[in-house]
Amino acid sequence: MINLSFVRIGLVIVNLLFIAVIVRLVKRKYLSMKYSFLWLILLFVILLCALLPVIPYRLSDLLGFGVPANFIFLVAIFFLLAIALSLSIIVSKQQRKIATLVQELAILSNRVDKLPINPKEESAFFEE
């Protein structure tokens, strides 16, 4: 059987590596700071539970869960739903920005198409 402290140490190490990856992504501008906060909060909660395993046990007893694993799954599902909602909001904003840019590009393209090609026409076009 695997020693429980060995699993906790492994969880802490993996968690710290994940934090380092997120910090590196933010530093290299692959991930925006405002989008990294939800991930960092999730990792902080996991780290706290790995270092102090009594917290999920007490919270699960306090909230009436029969098994602490059910409470942990509920918290994990909550965080995953929060991340999915956050990503959906980001995609919606980007979709609106893309639609606006496409419309502006179409307007500019239409203006460029109306510009005269012949140099003689060009001077008359700008005099109007």
Protein backbone atom coordinates (compact mmCIF):
# COMPACT_ATOMS: atom_id res chain seq x y z
CA MET A 1 0.00 0.00 0.00
CA ILE A 2 1.21 3.50 -0.83
CA ASN A 3 2.16 5.65 2.12
CA LEU A 4 -0.31 8.55 2.48
CA SER A 5 2.43 11.07 3.20
CA PHE A 6 4.16 10.01 -0.03
CA VAL A 7 0.97 10.84 -1.98
CA ARG A 8 0.68 14.21 -0.22
CA ILE A 9 4.33 15.04 -0.99
CA GLY A 10 3.77 14.08 -4.63
CA LEU A 11 0.65 16.28 -4.76
CA VAL A 12 2.58 19.23 -3.33
CA ILE A 13 5.42 18.77 -5.83
CA VAL A 14 3.05 18.50 -8.81
CA ASN A 15 1.12 21.51 -7.55
CA LEU A 16 4.26 23.62 -7.22
CA LEU A 17 5.34 22.58 -10.73
CA PHE A 18 1.94 23.61 -12.06
CA ILE A 19 2.23 26.99 -10.32
CA ALA A 20 5.67 27.44 -11.89
CA VAL A 21 4.22 26.63 -15.33
CA ILE A 22 1.44 29.19 -14.89
CA VAL A 23 3.88 31.86 -13.70
CA ARG A 24 6.12 31.11 -16.67
CA LEU A 25 3.18 31.36 -19.09
CA VAL A 26 2.23 34.73 -17.61
CA LYS A 27 5.84 35.92 -17.72
CA ARG A 28 6.16 34.97 -21.40
CA LYS A 29 2.78 36.60 -22.13
CA TYR A 30 1.17 33.33 -23.28
CA LEU A 31 -1.40 33.69 -20.51
CA SER A 32 -2.89 36.95 -19.34
CA MET A 33 -2.58 37.80 -15.67
CA LYS A 34 -6.32 38.25 -15.24
CA TYR A 35 -7.00 34.78 -16.65
CA SER A 36 -4.36 33.13 -14.50
CA PHE A 37 -6.00 34.11 -11.20
CA LEU A 38 -8.64 31.37 -11.34
CA TRP A 39 -5.96 28.76 -11.97
CA LEU A 40 -3.80 30.11 -9.16
CA ILE A 41 -6.75 30.08 -6.74
CA LEU A 42 -7.49 26.47 -7.67
CA LEU A 43 -3.86 25.49 -7.15
CA PHE A 44 -3.75 27.33 -3.84
CA VAL A 45 -6.80 25.40 -2.61
CA ILE A 46 -5.24 22.10 -3.71
CA LEU A 47 -1.95 23.00 -2.03
CA LEU A 48 -3.74 23.99 1.17
CA CYS A 49 -5.66 20.70 1.23
CA ALA A 50 -2.47 18.73 0.55
CA LEU A 51 -0.59 20.43 3.37
CA LEU A 52 -3.52 20.43 5.80
CA PRO A 53 -5.70 17.43 4.95
CA VAL A 54 -7.87 18.06 8.00
CA ILE A 55 -9.51 21.01 6.16
CA PRO A 56 -11.48 18.95 3.60
CA TYR A 57 -12.43 16.44 6.31
CA ARG A 58 -13.78 19.13 8.62
CA LEU A 59 -15.56 20.98 5.83
CA SER A 60 -17.17 17.78 4.56
CA ASP A 61 -18.38 16.93 8.09
CA LEU A 62 -19.64 20.49 8.59
CA LEU A 63 -21.58 20.46 5.31
CA GLY A 64 -23.00 16.98 5.91
CA PHE A 65 -21.13 14.95 3.31
CA GLY A 66 -20.86 11.28 4.20
CA VAL A 67 -17.49 10.84 2.51
CA PRO A 68 -14.85 13.59 2.16
CA ALA A 69 -14.15 12.44 -1.40
CA ASN A 70 -17.66 13.55 -2.40
CA PHE A 71 -16.95 17.02 -1.05
CA ILE A 72 -13.64 17.18 -2.90
CA PHE A 73 -15.36 16.13 -6.15
CA LEU A 74 -18.00 18.81 -5.64
CA VAL A 75 -15.35 21.49 -5.12
CA ALA A 76 -13.42 20.25 -8.18
CA ILE A 77 -16.57 20.33 -10.32
CA PHE A 78 -17.30 23.87 -9.07
CA PHE A 79 -13.84 25.08 -10.07
CA LEU A 80 -14.05 23.39 -13.48
CA LEU A 81 -17.43 25.01 -14.10
CA ALA A 82 -16.02 28.39 -13.07
CA ILE A 83 -13.11 27.95 -15.49
CA ALA A 84 -15.48 26.86 -18.29
CA LEU A 85 -17.69 29.91 -17.65
CA SER A 86 -14.65 32.18 -17.65
CA LEU A 87 -13.48 30.74 -20.98
CA SER A 88 -16.98 31.09 -22.45
CA ILE A 89 -17.04 34.76 -21.51
CA ILE A 90 -13.63 35.27 -23.13
CA VAL A 91 -14.74 33.52 -26.34
CA SER A 92 -17.90 35.64 -26.48
CA LYS A 93 -15.92 38.87 -26.13
CA GLN A 94 -13.46 37.77 -28.81
CA GLN A 95 -16.32 36.82 -31.12
CA ARG A 96 -17.84 40.32 -30.80
CA LYS A 97 -14.44 41.93 -31.45
CA ILE A 98 -13.88 39.76 -34.53
CA ALA A 99 -17.31 40.67 -35.93
CA THR A 100 -16.55 44.37 -35.45
CA LEU A 101 -13.15 44.02 -37.12
CA VAL A 102 -14.65 42.16 -40.09
CA GLN A 103 -17.22 44.93 -40.55
CA GLU A 104 -14.55 47.64 -40.34
CA LEU A 105 -12.38 45.72 -42.81
CA ALA A 106 -15.29 45.45 -45.25
CA ILE A 107 -15.89 49.21 -45.03
CA LEU A 108 -12.19 49.97 -45.62
CA SER A 109 -12.01 47.45 -48.47
CA ASN A 110 -15.02 49.11 -50.10
CA ARG A 111 -13.32 52.52 -49.81
CA VAL A 112 -10.10 51.16 -51.32
CA ASP A 113 -12.04 49.59 -54.21
CA LYS A 114 -13.55 52.99 -55.01
CA LEU A 115 -10.15 54.67 -55.27
CA PRO A 116 -9.14 55.44 -58.87
CA ILE A 117 -6.30 53.48 -60.42
CA ASN A 118 -5.37 55.89 -63.22
CA PRO A 119 -3.14 58.81 -62.02
CA LYS A 120 -5.19 61.30 -64.07
CA GLU A 121 -8.37 60.13 -62.39
CA GLU A 122 -6.63 60.27 -59.01
CA SER A 123 -6.13 64.03 -59.09
CA ALA A 124 -9.75 64.56 -60.15
CA PHE A 125 -10.93 62.20 -57.41
CA PHE A 126 -9.19 64.16 -54.68
CA GLU A 127 -10.35 67.54 -56.02
CA GLU A 128 -14.03 66.67 -55.57
